[in-house]
Amino acid sequence: MLTVVTDDGKPPAKVARDAVVGDCLENRGTDADPVLFTVGCSDAKADYKVMINATRRGACPPEFDECTERGGRLGETTLCLTPVRH
C-alpha cells in the first residue's frame, strides 16, 4: 500500500492546550464536546479569545467560559475564554 502525504505549506493546527493568552480559538466540535484549535483573532472562524491561563489556579473567574484539556506533555490545561464578537 502506498500512502502519499502532501505538505500544503501551512503550519500544523495548534490545539487549545498550546494556546497562550491573547490567542483566539475556533470550536470545530460542539458546545457539549468542543474541539478547539488556534486561529487568528481576525479570522471569521474565531469563536473565543484566551484571556487567562488558569492551569495553576485550576479554575476561571465566573465571568469567563472555562476550557480544560487533558493530555499533552504538561498534563491538564485550563483556559479562561471570552466569546469573540465579529
C-alpha atoms as a PDB file:
ATOM      1  CA  MET A   1       0.000   0.000   0.000  1.00  0.00           C
ATOM      2  CA  LEU A   2       1.270   3.455  -0.907  1.00  0.00           C
ATOM      3  CA  THR A   3       0.427   6.482   1.208  1.00  0.00           C
ATOM      4  CA  VAL A   4       1.125   9.949  -0.136  1.00  0.00           C
ATOM      5  CA  VAL A   5       1.470  12.859   2.266  1.00  0.00           C
ATOM      6  CA  THR A   6       1.429  16.348   0.854  1.00  0.00           C
ATOM      7  CA  ASP A   7       2.686  19.488   2.517  1.00  0.00           C
ATOM      8  CA  ASP A   8       0.360  22.429   1.936  1.00  0.00           C
ATOM      9  CA  GLY A   9       2.908  24.827   3.408  1.00  0.00           C
ATOM     10  CA  LYS A  10       0.713  25.691   6.397  1.00  0.00           C
ATOM     11  CA  PRO A  11       1.898  25.097   9.950  1.00  0.00           C
ATOM     12  CA  PRO A  12       0.075  22.266  11.729  1.00  0.00           C
ATOM     13  CA  ALA A  13      -3.029  23.299  13.668  1.00  0.00           C
ATOM     14  CA  LYS A  14      -2.358  24.097  17.306  1.00  0.00           C
ATOM     15  CA  VAL A  15      -4.819  22.681  19.814  1.00  0.00           C
ATOM     16  CA  ALA A  16      -6.185  24.716  22.723  1.00  0.00           C
ATOM     17  CA  ARG A  17      -3.621  23.404  25.227  1.00  0.00           C
ATOM     18  CA  ASP A  18      -0.904  25.057  23.086  1.00  0.00           C
ATOM     19  CA  ALA A  19      -2.689  28.443  23.141  1.00  0.00           C
ATOM     20  CA  VAL A  20      -1.405  31.430  25.085  1.00  0.00           C
ATOM     21  CA  VAL A  21      -3.192  34.492  26.449  1.00  0.00           C
ATOM     22  CA  GLY A  22      -4.316  36.625  23.504  1.00  0.00           C
ATOM     23  CA  ASP A  23      -4.755  33.696  21.089  1.00  0.00           C
ATOM     24  CA  CYS A  24      -8.159  33.003  19.570  1.00  0.00           C
ATOM     25  CA  LEU A  25      -9.794  29.606  19.208  1.00  0.00           C
ATOM     26  CA  GLU A  26     -12.173  28.014  16.731  1.00  0.00           C
ATOM     27  CA  ASN A  27     -14.553  25.338  18.010  1.00  0.00           C
ATOM     28  CA  ARG A  28     -14.654  22.540  15.438  1.00  0.00           C
ATOM     29  CA  GLY A  29     -16.764  20.363  17.734  1.00  0.00           C
ATOM     30  CA  THR A  30     -19.982  21.161  19.575  1.00  0.00           C
ATOM     31  CA  ASP A  31     -20.767  23.213  22.681  1.00  0.00           C
ATOM     32  CA  ALA A  32     -21.148  19.967  24.652  1.00  0.00           C
ATOM     33  CA  ASP A  33     -17.976  18.414  23.199  1.00  0.00           C
ATOM     34  CA  PRO A  34     -15.702  21.242  21.992  1.00  0.00           C
ATOM     35  CA  VAL A  35     -12.672  20.613  19.804  1.00  0.00           C
ATOM     36  CA  LEU A  36     -10.670  23.841  19.896  1.00  0.00           C
ATOM     37  CA  PHE A  37      -7.865  24.958  17.591  1.00  0.00           C
ATOM     38  CA  THR A  38      -5.973  28.258  17.492  1.00  0.00           C
ATOM     39  CA  VAL A  39      -6.820  30.672  14.680  1.00  0.00           C
ATOM     40  CA  GLY A  40      -6.089  34.316  14.028  1.00  0.00           C
ATOM     41  CA  CYS A  41      -8.314  36.660  16.023  1.00  0.00           C
ATOM     42  CA  SER A  42      -9.350  38.464  12.821  1.00  0.00           C
ATOM     43  CA  ASP A  43     -10.478  35.136  11.311  1.00  0.00           C
ATOM     44  CA  ALA A  44     -14.270  34.883  10.978  1.00  0.00           C
ATOM     45  CA  LYS A  45     -13.993  31.356  12.425  1.00  0.00           C
ATOM     46  CA  ALA A  46     -12.641  32.643  15.767  1.00  0.00           C
ATOM     47  CA  ASP A  47     -15.152  31.727  18.489  1.00  0.00           C
ATOM     48  CA  TYR A  48     -13.216  32.505  21.683  1.00  0.00           C
ATOM     49  CA  LYS A  49     -10.261  34.554  22.897  1.00  0.00           C
ATOM     50  CA  VAL A  50      -7.944  33.248  25.637  1.00  0.00           C
ATOM     51  CA  MET A  51      -7.985  35.765  28.484  1.00  0.00           C
ATOM     52  CA  ILE A  52      -6.284  33.819  31.313  1.00  0.00           C
ATOM     53  CA  ASN A  53      -4.276  30.609  31.557  1.00  0.00           C
ATOM     54  CA  ALA A  54      -5.681  29.200  34.808  1.00  0.00           C
ATOM     55  CA  THR A  55      -3.780  25.917  34.722  1.00  0.00           C
ATOM     56  CA  ARG A  56      -2.033  26.596  38.039  1.00  0.00           C
ATOM     57  CA  ARG A  57      -5.170  28.049  39.668  1.00  0.00           C
ATOM     58  CA  GLY A  58      -7.376  25.242  38.406  1.00  0.00           C
ATOM     59  CA  ALA A  59     -10.459  27.407  37.798  1.00  0.00           C
ATOM     60  CA  CYS A  60     -11.564  30.548  35.998  1.00  0.00           C
ATOM     61  CA  PRO A  61     -13.351  33.574  37.442  1.00  0.00           C
ATOM     62  CA  PRO A  62     -17.133  33.257  36.903  1.00  0.00           C
ATOM     63  CA  GLU A  63     -17.291  35.864  34.114  1.00  0.00           C
ATOM     64  CA  PHE A  64     -15.309  33.604  31.750  1.00  0.00           C
ATOM     65  CA  ASP A  65     -16.066  30.378  29.904  1.00  0.00           C
ATOM     66  CA  GLU A  66     -13.697  27.621  31.003  1.00  0.00           C
ATOM     67  CA  CYS A  67     -11.966  25.054  28.812  1.00  0.00           C
ATOM     68  CA  THR A  68      -9.923  22.238  30.344  1.00  0.00           C
ATOM     69  CA  GLU A  69      -7.942  19.893  28.110  1.00  0.00           C
ATOM     70  CA  ARG A  70      -6.250  16.779  29.370  1.00  0.00           C
ATOM     71  CA  GLY A  71      -3.127  15.282  27.884  1.00  0.00           C
ATOM     72  CA  GLY A  72      -0.057  16.716  26.272  1.00  0.00           C
ATOM     73  CA  ARG A  73       3.384  16.903  27.767  1.00  0.00           C
ATOM     74  CA  LEU A  74       2.314  19.236  30.570  1.00  0.00           C
ATOM     75  CA  GLY A  75      -0.815  17.342  31.635  1.00  0.00           C
ATOM     76  CA  GLU A  76      -4.046  19.283  32.152  1.00  0.00           C
ATOM     77  CA  THR A  77      -4.517  22.813  30.765  1.00  0.00           C
ATOM     78  CA  THR A  78      -7.278  25.190  31.894  1.00  0.00           C
ATOM     79  CA  LEU A  79      -8.022  28.300  29.833  1.00  0.00           C
ATOM     80  CA  CYS A  80     -10.427  31.151  30.616  1.00  0.00           C
ATOM     81  CA  LEU A  81     -12.201  32.287  27.462  1.00  0.00           C
ATOM     82  CA  THR A  82     -14.435  35.091  26.299  1.00  0.00           C
ATOM     83  CA  PRO A  83     -16.563  34.914  23.131  1.00  0.00           C
ATOM     84  CA  VAL A  84     -15.263  36.754  20.071  1.00  0.00           C
ATOM     85  CA  ARG A  85     -17.753  39.254  18.665  1.00  0.00           C
ATOM     86  CA  HIS A  86     -17.486  39.725  14.902  1.00  0.00           C
END
